[in-house]
Amino acid sequence: MARVYLVLALLLTAFWVYSIVDCALQPPTRHRGVSKPIWLLIVVLLPVVGGVLWFLIGRTRRSSAPRFQAPDDNPEFLGRISTVSDQDERIRRLEEELAALDSEADDPRDRGHVDPPSTDDDSGEQTRGGRS
């Protein structure tokens, strides 16, 4: 029977230490009822009962934390994205930049352009280094 009491005392001591650490590490916003220092005093001075009170009354649930929301379901995110007219303006500017780049690429001076071979007679045949 002494072994049972010893194991029970060890478990209750572990619970007491765990409740002290949990109460001390929780941010002050997660404490209900009284302030954080008061909860620490309750848990330390009333070893098992203080721990039980802490977990039942003093500690808030994790479910109150904000959950992840998909961007298309989050009104705050939807309000921050740009409007369609902003996107249309950006597309127009990008198209103008691309057209300017294309016109620069078509300029023969930029590419070291060589004139096409010339024709010598009226038949339209091209002449090369030798006779035709």
Protein backbone atom coordinates (compact mmCIF):
# COMPACT_ATOMS: atom_id res chain seq x y z
CA MET A 1 0.00 0.00 0.00
CA ALA A 2 2.94 2.31 0.63
CA ARG A 3 3.98 1.93 -3.00
CA VAL A 4 0.57 3.16 -4.15
CA TYR A 5 0.85 6.22 -1.92
CA LEU A 6 4.37 6.86 -3.15
CA VAL A 7 3.29 6.66 -6.80
CA LEU A 8 0.25 8.83 -6.07
CA ALA A 9 2.40 11.43 -4.30
CA LEU A 10 4.84 11.43 -7.22
CA LEU A 11 2.00 11.93 -9.73
CA LEU A 12 0.44 14.73 -7.68
CA THR A 13 3.84 16.44 -7.34
CA ALA A 14 4.39 16.18 -11.10
CA PHE A 15 0.91 17.64 -11.71
CA TRP A 16 1.62 20.48 -9.27
CA VAL A 17 4.96 21.33 -10.95
CA TYR A 18 3.35 21.13 -14.40
CA SER A 19 0.52 23.48 -13.37
CA ILE A 20 3.03 25.98 -11.92
CA VAL A 21 5.10 25.95 -15.12
CA ASP A 22 2.01 26.17 -17.33
CA CYS A 23 0.61 29.09 -15.35
CA ALA A 24 3.95 30.90 -15.40
CA LEU A 25 4.55 30.46 -19.13
CA GLN A 26 1.10 31.46 -20.35
CA PRO A 27 0.86 35.05 -21.65
CA PRO A 28 -1.20 37.35 -19.41
CA THR A 29 -3.93 37.51 -22.05
CA ARG A 30 -4.65 33.80 -21.52
CA HIS A 31 -5.50 34.16 -17.80
CA ARG A 32 -9.14 34.38 -16.76
CA GLY A 33 -10.54 35.67 -13.52
CA VAL A 34 -7.61 37.20 -11.67
CA SER A 35 -4.20 38.41 -12.81
CA LYS A 36 -1.23 36.18 -13.55
CA PRO A 37 0.63 36.75 -10.23
CA ILE A 38 -2.50 35.87 -8.25
CA TRP A 39 -2.94 32.65 -10.24
CA LEU A 40 0.68 31.74 -9.56
CA LEU A 41 0.10 32.26 -5.81
CA ILE A 42 -3.05 30.11 -5.91
CA VAL A 43 -1.28 27.30 -7.76
CA VAL A 44 1.80 27.40 -5.51
CA LEU A 45 0.00 27.74 -2.14
CA LEU A 46 -2.75 25.19 -2.89
CA PRO A 47 -0.73 22.42 -4.54
CA VAL A 48 -3.31 20.10 -6.12
CA VAL A 49 -6.46 22.18 -5.72
CA GLY A 50 -4.71 25.25 -7.18
CA GLY A 51 -3.65 23.24 -10.25
CA VAL A 52 -7.16 21.91 -10.75
CA LEU A 53 -8.61 25.42 -10.38
CA TRP A 54 -6.03 26.74 -12.84
CA PHE A 55 -6.93 24.21 -15.54
CA LEU A 56 -10.70 24.46 -14.98
CA ILE A 57 -11.15 28.19 -14.40
CA GLY A 58 -8.00 30.22 -14.97
CA ARG A 59 -6.67 28.98 -18.27
CA THR A 60 -8.42 29.94 -21.49
CA ARG A 61 -8.95 27.39 -24.20
CA ARG A 62 -6.83 27.31 -27.33
CA SER A 63 -9.95 27.33 -29.48
CA SER A 64 -10.26 31.06 -28.85
CA ALA A 65 -7.10 31.61 -30.89
CA PRO A 66 -7.66 32.85 -34.45
CA ARG A 67 -7.90 30.10 -37.02
CA PHE A 68 -6.39 30.14 -40.49
CA GLN A 69 -8.72 31.40 -43.18
CA ALA A 70 -8.28 30.98 -46.90
CA PRO A 71 -7.59 34.29 -48.67
CA ASP A 72 -10.83 34.22 -50.62
CA ASP A 73 -12.78 33.76 -47.36
CA ASN A 74 -10.98 36.52 -45.47
CA PRO A 75 -12.68 39.92 -45.91
CA GLU A 76 -9.64 41.76 -44.55
CA PHE A 77 -7.43 40.25 -47.25
CA LEU A 78 -9.98 40.91 -49.96
CA GLY A 79 -10.14 44.56 -48.93
CA ARG A 80 -6.36 44.92 -49.23
CA ILE A 81 -5.94 43.59 -52.76
CA SER A 82 -5.96 46.05 -55.59
CA THR A 83 -9.06 46.74 -57.64
CA VAL A 84 -9.62 45.58 -61.19
CA SER A 85 -8.88 49.04 -62.62
CA ASP A 86 -5.45 49.00 -60.94
CA GLN A 87 -4.74 45.64 -62.52
CA ASP A 88 -5.92 46.85 -65.93
CA GLU A 89 -3.64 49.89 -65.67
CA ARG A 90 -0.68 47.67 -64.79
CA ILE A 91 -1.38 45.35 -67.72
CA ARG A 92 -1.60 48.36 -70.08
CA ARG A 93 1.78 49.67 -68.85
CA LEU A 94 3.39 46.25 -69.27
CA GLU A 95 2.03 45.96 -72.81
CA GLU A 96 3.47 49.39 -73.67
CA GLU A 97 6.86 48.36 -72.29
CA LEU A 98 6.78 45.14 -74.32
CA ALA A 99 5.83 47.06 -77.48
CA ALA A 100 8.76 49.45 -76.87
CA LEU A 101 11.13 46.51 -76.43
CA ASP A 102 9.82 44.89 -79.63
CA SER A 103 10.33 48.10 -81.62
CA GLU A 104 13.92 48.32 -80.32
CA ALA A 105 14.52 44.71 -81.35
CA ASP A 106 13.25 45.42 -84.89
CA ASP A 107 15.77 48.24 -85.39
CA PRO A 108 18.45 46.79 -87.79
CA ARG A 109 21.22 48.99 -86.35
CA ASP A 110 20.97 47.18 -83.03
CA ARG A 111 21.55 43.69 -84.43
CA GLY A 112 24.37 44.21 -86.94
CA HIS A 113 21.94 43.72 -89.80
CA VAL A 114 23.35 42.69 -93.23
CA ASP A 115 21.56 43.80 -96.42
CA PRO A 116 20.13 40.96 -98.52
CA PRO A 117 22.05 39.99 -101.66
CA SER A 118 21.28 42.13 -104.70
CA THR A 119 20.12 41.00 -108.12
CA ASP A 120 22.14 41.87 -111.24
CA ASP A 121 19.68 41.25 -114.01
CA ASP A 122 16.01 41.80 -114.58
CA SER A 123 15.15 38.13 -114.11
CA GLY A 124 15.35 38.48 -110.33
CA GLU A 125 18.02 35.83 -109.85
CA GLN A 126 20.61 36.45 -107.24
CA THR A 127 24.24 36.49 -108.20
CA ARG A 128 26.87 34.90 -106.11
CA GLY A 129 30.58 35.16 -106.18
CA GLY A 130 30.88 33.32 -109.56
CA ARG A 131 28.98 33.16 -112.85
CA SER A 132 25.45 31.97 -113.10
